[in-house]
Amino acid sequence: MIDKIKNYIYDPKMSVHIYKNKVNIVNYVEIEHFDSNKVIVSTDDGNITVEGKNLVVSKLLGNEILISGDIKQIELR
């Protein structure tokens, strides 16, 4: 029972949530590259590249970031 509660509260899987002009990445490893046109985030499953204009990175929690701006492309490699 305790393990089920832990897994519910802390899901160790990487996830990407896409909203209008925002991308939320949970359980990432590190931010590899950041400028106003491109953000590259490494995860256990590969790299996520977000391209666009006026990109801003907000660190929400120790393992969660929010990228906002005029997002044109999201790629997982």
C-alpha atoms as a PDB file:
ATOM      1  CA  MET A   1       0.000   0.000   0.000  1.00  0.00           C
ATOM      2  CA  ILE A   2       2.819   2.436   0.906  1.00  0.00           C
ATOM      3  CA  ASP A   3       4.577   1.743  -2.427  1.00  0.00           C
ATOM      4  CA  LYS A   4       1.404   2.548  -4.354  1.00  0.00           C
ATOM      5  CA  ILE A   5       1.095   5.862  -2.537  1.00  0.00           C
ATOM      6  CA  LYS A   6       4.770   6.699  -3.202  1.00  0.00           C
ATOM      7  CA  ASN A   7       4.372   5.897  -6.903  1.00  0.00           C
ATOM      8  CA  TYR A   8       1.263   8.053  -7.086  1.00  0.00           C
ATOM      9  CA  ILE A   9       2.925  11.021  -5.387  1.00  0.00           C
ATOM     10  CA  TYR A  10       6.317  10.672  -7.087  1.00  0.00           C
ATOM     11  CA  ASP A  11       6.096   9.316 -10.603  1.00  0.00           C
ATOM     12  CA  PRO A  12       9.726   8.775 -11.728  1.00  0.00           C
ATOM     13  CA  LYS A  13       8.838   8.678 -15.442  1.00  0.00           C
ATOM     14  CA  MET A  14       9.701  11.573 -17.716  1.00  0.00           C
ATOM     15  CA  SER A  15       6.670  13.315 -19.140  1.00  0.00           C
ATOM     16  CA  VAL A  16       6.049  16.203 -21.508  1.00  0.00           C
ATOM     17  CA  HIS A  17       2.865  18.265 -21.365  1.00  0.00           C
ATOM     18  CA  ILE A  18       2.173  20.543 -24.324  1.00  0.00           C
ATOM     19  CA  TYR A  19      -0.096  23.562 -23.973  1.00  0.00           C
ATOM     20  CA  LYS A  20      -0.659  26.619 -26.136  1.00  0.00           C
ATOM     21  CA  ASN A  21       2.725  28.408 -26.224  1.00  0.00           C
ATOM     22  CA  LYS A  22       4.021  26.330 -23.276  1.00  0.00           C
ATOM     23  CA  VAL A  23       5.823  23.024 -22.740  1.00  0.00           C
ATOM     24  CA  ASN A  24       6.102  21.475 -19.283  1.00  0.00           C
ATOM     25  CA  ILE A  25       8.814  18.808 -18.839  1.00  0.00           C
ATOM     26  CA  VAL A  26       8.802  16.658 -15.698  1.00  0.00           C
ATOM     27  CA  ASN A  27      11.685  14.466 -14.485  1.00  0.00           C
ATOM     28  CA  TYR A  28      14.392  15.869 -16.750  1.00  0.00           C
ATOM     29  CA  VAL A  29      18.135  15.395 -16.156  1.00  0.00           C
ATOM     30  CA  GLU A  30      19.563  18.789 -17.150  1.00  0.00           C
ATOM     31  CA  ILE A  31      19.207  21.776 -19.465  1.00  0.00           C
ATOM     32  CA  GLU A  32      21.817  21.239 -22.190  1.00  0.00           C
ATOM     33  CA  HIS A  33      21.273  24.466 -24.141  1.00  0.00           C
ATOM     34  CA  PHE A  34      19.175  27.580 -23.694  1.00  0.00           C
ATOM     35  CA  ASP A  35      18.685  30.728 -25.737  1.00  0.00           C
ATOM     36  CA  SER A  36      15.652  32.677 -26.905  1.00  0.00           C
ATOM     37  CA  ASN A  37      15.243  30.461 -30.001  1.00  0.00           C
ATOM     38  CA  LYS A  38      16.129  26.949 -28.808  1.00  0.00           C
ATOM     39  CA  VAL A  39      16.060  24.942 -25.585  1.00  0.00           C
ATOM     40  CA  ILE A  40      17.562  21.444 -25.345  1.00  0.00           C
ATOM     41  CA  VAL A  41      16.706  19.378 -22.271  1.00  0.00           C
ATOM     42  CA  SER A  42      18.253  15.964 -21.597  1.00  0.00           C
ATOM     43  CA  THR A  43      16.191  13.161 -20.094  1.00  0.00           C
ATOM     44  CA  ASP A  44      16.755   9.480 -19.423  1.00  0.00           C
ATOM     45  CA  ASP A  45      14.893   8.800 -22.701  1.00  0.00           C
ATOM     46  CA  GLY A  46      16.925  11.201 -24.881  1.00  0.00           C
ATOM     47  CA  ASN A  47      16.982  14.918 -25.619  1.00  0.00           C
ATOM     48  CA  ILE A  48      13.973  17.173 -26.043  1.00  0.00           C
ATOM     49  CA  THR A  49      14.526  20.144 -28.341  1.00  0.00           C
ATOM     50  CA  VAL A  50      12.068  23.035 -28.265  1.00  0.00           C
ATOM     51  CA  GLU A  51      12.442  25.630 -31.007  1.00  0.00           C
ATOM     52  CA  GLY A  52      10.665  28.943 -31.427  1.00  0.00           C
ATOM     53  CA  LYS A  53      10.988  32.636 -30.635  1.00  0.00           C
ATOM     54  CA  ASN A  54      11.183  34.522 -27.343  1.00  0.00           C
ATOM     55  CA  LEU A  55      11.563  31.299 -25.356  1.00  0.00           C
ATOM     56  CA  VAL A  56      11.727  31.635 -21.580  1.00  0.00           C
ATOM     57  CA  VAL A  57      12.591  28.841 -19.127  1.00  0.00           C
ATOM     58  CA  SER A  58      11.043  28.773 -15.659  1.00  0.00           C
ATOM     59  CA  LYS A  59      12.207  26.153 -13.196  1.00  0.00           C
ATOM     60  CA  LEU A  60       9.115  25.118 -11.287  1.00  0.00           C
ATOM     61  CA  LEU A  61      10.562  22.392  -9.085  1.00  0.00           C
ATOM     62  CA  GLY A  62      13.824  20.478  -8.811  1.00  0.00           C
ATOM     63  CA  ASN A  63      12.702  18.112 -11.555  1.00  0.00           C
ATOM     64  CA  GLU A  64      10.206  20.211 -13.525  1.00  0.00           C
ATOM     65  CA  ILE A  65      10.570  23.116 -15.962  1.00  0.00           C
ATOM     66  CA  LEU A  66       8.187  25.213 -18.022  1.00  0.00           C
ATOM     67  CA  ILE A  67       9.238  26.601 -21.397  1.00  0.00           C
ATOM     68  CA  SER A  68       7.051  29.370 -22.751  1.00  0.00           C
ATOM     69  CA  GLY A  69       7.126  31.582 -25.829  1.00  0.00           C
ATOM     70  CA  ASP A  70       6.230  31.317 -29.505  1.00  0.00           C
ATOM     71  CA  ILE A  71       6.884  27.568 -29.861  1.00  0.00           C
ATOM     72  CA  LYS A  72       7.280  26.289 -33.406  1.00  0.00           C
ATOM     73  CA  GLN A  73       8.661  22.756 -32.974  1.00  0.00           C
ATOM     74  CA  ILE A  74       9.192  20.090 -30.292  1.00  0.00           C
ATOM     75  CA  GLU A  75      11.424  17.110 -30.999  1.00  0.00           C
ATOM     76  CA  LEU A  76      12.479  14.038 -28.990  1.00  0.00           C
ATOM     77  CA  ARG A  77      15.728  12.346 -30.057  1.00  0.00           C
END
